[in-house]
Amino acid sequence: MSLKRKIQKAKKKKAEKELKDKVMSFDRMPDCCVMCYKVFDKKSKEDHDTWKIVERREEKRVSLFCPDCWDNGLAAIKEQIVKEQPLLEKHFSDKEDPEQFKKRQRPTAPSVEDYVKTKAPSVEKGDSNE
């Protein structure tokens, strides 16, 4: 048997195994939404187009979400990721002026002029220990 034939046979076998795993995962699919328990109509094309199926192969778990629960879940995730103010900043900003709080949070770096204008300390001749 040639090497090319062995590779093709291995790819075909792997593809068949993946297909078998996917088909078996549909047997584990629930009949209703896992969040609100709304019934999933398996004969409805609209339900097949709008409902979301989440498969966890490592855990061998399949979850089914209705469109409403899916949208609510996405909204909750976006709310967690994109917050207006972290709680710590909100706590401190309530007690003082917001502009002062922002300045304190993001202080401006000293400029070159700040270093040039400062004078070096003078050394008097009488103070040295020689």
Protein backbone atom coordinates (compact mmCIF):
# COMPACT_ATOMS: atom_id res chain seq x y z
CA MET A 1 0.00 0.00 0.00
CA SER A 2 1.40 3.38 -0.97
CA LEU A 3 1.96 6.23 1.46
CA LYS A 4 -0.59 8.40 -0.32
CA ARG A 5 -3.25 5.72 0.07
CA LYS A 6 -2.45 5.32 3.79
CA ILE A 7 -2.83 9.07 4.36
CA GLN A 8 -6.18 9.15 2.55
CA LYS A 9 -7.41 6.16 4.54
CA ALA A 10 -6.35 7.79 7.84
CA LYS A 11 -8.10 11.08 6.93
CA LYS A 12 -11.27 9.22 5.98
CA LYS A 13 -11.23 7.25 9.22
CA LYS A 14 -10.72 10.44 11.29
CA ALA A 15 -13.57 12.22 9.46
CA GLU A 16 -15.92 9.27 10.06
CA LYS A 17 -15.03 9.25 13.76
CA GLU A 18 -15.70 13.01 14.10
CA LEU A 19 -19.04 12.64 12.30
CA LYS A 20 -20.01 9.76 14.59
CA ASP A 21 -19.12 11.87 17.66
CA LYS A 22 -21.23 14.79 16.38
CA VAL A 23 -24.22 12.54 15.68
CA MET A 24 -23.93 10.99 19.13
CA SER A 25 -23.85 14.45 20.72
CA PHE A 26 -27.27 15.21 19.22
CA ASP A 27 -28.64 12.27 21.19
CA ARG A 28 -27.58 14.10 24.36
CA MET A 29 -29.30 17.34 23.29
CA PRO A 30 -32.09 18.41 25.68
CA ASP A 31 -35.69 18.97 24.56
CA CYS A 32 -35.96 22.45 26.09
CA CYS A 33 -33.93 25.57 26.81
CA VAL A 34 -31.54 24.97 29.70
CA MET A 35 -32.27 28.44 31.15
CA CYS A 36 -36.03 29.01 30.88
CA TYR A 37 -37.24 25.50 29.97
CA LYS A 38 -39.08 26.70 26.86
CA VAL A 39 -39.84 23.64 24.70
CA PHE A 40 -37.76 23.15 21.53
CA ASP A 41 -39.85 22.03 18.54
CA LYS A 42 -37.65 19.58 16.61
CA LYS A 43 -39.95 19.70 13.58
CA SER A 44 -39.90 23.50 13.25
CA LYS A 45 -37.41 24.99 10.78
CA GLU A 46 -37.62 28.35 12.55
CA ASP A 47 -36.52 26.81 15.85
CA HIS A 48 -33.59 25.11 14.14
CA ASP A 49 -32.52 28.42 12.62
CA THR A 50 -32.87 30.59 15.74
CA TRP A 51 -31.98 28.41 18.73
CA LYS A 52 -28.32 28.02 19.76
CA ILE A 53 -26.62 24.71 20.52
CA VAL A 54 -23.46 24.72 22.62
CA GLU A 55 -21.44 21.52 22.69
CA ARG A 56 -18.75 20.80 25.27
CA ARG A 57 -16.95 17.75 23.90
CA GLU A 58 -14.52 17.37 26.80
CA GLU A 59 -17.40 17.33 29.28
CA LYS A 60 -19.69 15.43 26.87
CA ARG A 61 -22.43 17.98 27.46
CA VAL A 62 -24.79 19.65 25.00
CA SER A 63 -26.75 22.77 25.96
CA LEU A 64 -29.68 24.31 24.11
CA PHE A 65 -30.59 28.01 24.37
CA CYS A 66 -33.69 29.82 23.09
CA PRO A 67 -33.12 33.17 21.30
CA ASP A 68 -34.31 35.23 24.30
CA CYS A 69 -31.98 33.52 26.78
CA TRP A 70 -29.09 33.69 24.30
CA ASP A 71 -29.56 37.45 23.85
CA ASN A 72 -29.85 37.97 27.62
CA GLY A 73 -26.66 35.96 28.17
CA LEU A 74 -24.76 37.98 25.58
CA ALA A 75 -26.00 41.22 27.11
CA ALA A 76 -24.86 40.10 30.57
CA ILE A 77 -21.42 39.18 29.25
CA LYS A 78 -21.05 42.52 27.46
CA GLU A 79 -22.11 44.33 30.62
CA GLN A 80 -19.42 42.53 32.62
CA ILE A 81 -16.71 43.19 30.03
CA VAL A 82 -17.55 46.80 29.23
CA LYS A 83 -18.24 48.52 32.51
CA GLU A 84 -18.50 52.27 32.80
CA GLN A 85 -16.53 52.51 36.04
CA PRO A 86 -14.96 49.81 38.16
CA LEU A 87 -16.46 49.64 41.64
CA LEU A 88 -13.32 50.96 43.33
CA GLU A 89 -13.21 54.06 41.12
CA LYS A 90 -16.91 54.64 41.66
CA HIS A 91 -16.43 54.43 45.44
CA PHE A 92 -13.70 57.07 45.45
CA SER A 93 -15.28 59.34 42.86
CA ASP A 94 -18.46 59.72 44.94
CA LYS A 95 -16.50 61.34 47.77
CA GLU A 96 -14.62 64.01 45.81
CA ASP A 97 -14.75 66.10 42.68
CA PRO A 98 -14.57 63.83 39.59
CA GLU A 99 -11.97 66.05 37.88
CA GLN A 100 -9.64 65.93 40.87
CA PHE A 101 -10.13 62.18 41.09
CA LYS A 102 -9.19 61.74 37.41
CA LYS A 103 -6.09 63.91 37.88
CA ARG A 104 -5.07 61.86 40.89
CA GLN A 105 -5.63 58.60 38.99
CA ARG A 106 -3.65 59.73 35.94
CA PRO A 107 -1.00 62.18 37.14
CA THR A 108 0.90 64.11 34.51
CA ALA A 109 4.56 63.30 34.13
CA PRO A 110 7.00 66.08 34.99
CA SER A 111 8.31 67.92 31.98
CA VAL A 112 11.92 68.70 31.13
CA GLU A 113 11.42 72.31 32.21
CA ASP A 114 10.62 71.13 35.74
CA TYR A 115 14.09 69.60 36.01
CA VAL A 116 15.90 72.52 34.36
CA LYS A 117 14.34 75.20 36.60
CA THR A 118 15.28 73.48 39.84
CA LYS A 119 18.58 74.57 41.24
CA ALA A 120 21.24 72.15 42.37
CA PRO A 121 22.11 72.41 46.07
CA SER A 122 25.07 74.65 46.74
CA VAL A 123 28.09 73.22 48.48
CA GLU A 124 29.95 75.48 50.85
CA LYS A 125 33.69 75.11 51.25
CA GLY A 126 33.65 75.08 55.00
CA ASP A 127 31.41 72.02 55.34
CA SER A 128 33.72 69.41 53.84
CA ASN A 129 35.64 66.97 56.06
CA GLU A 130 39.12 66.99 54.58
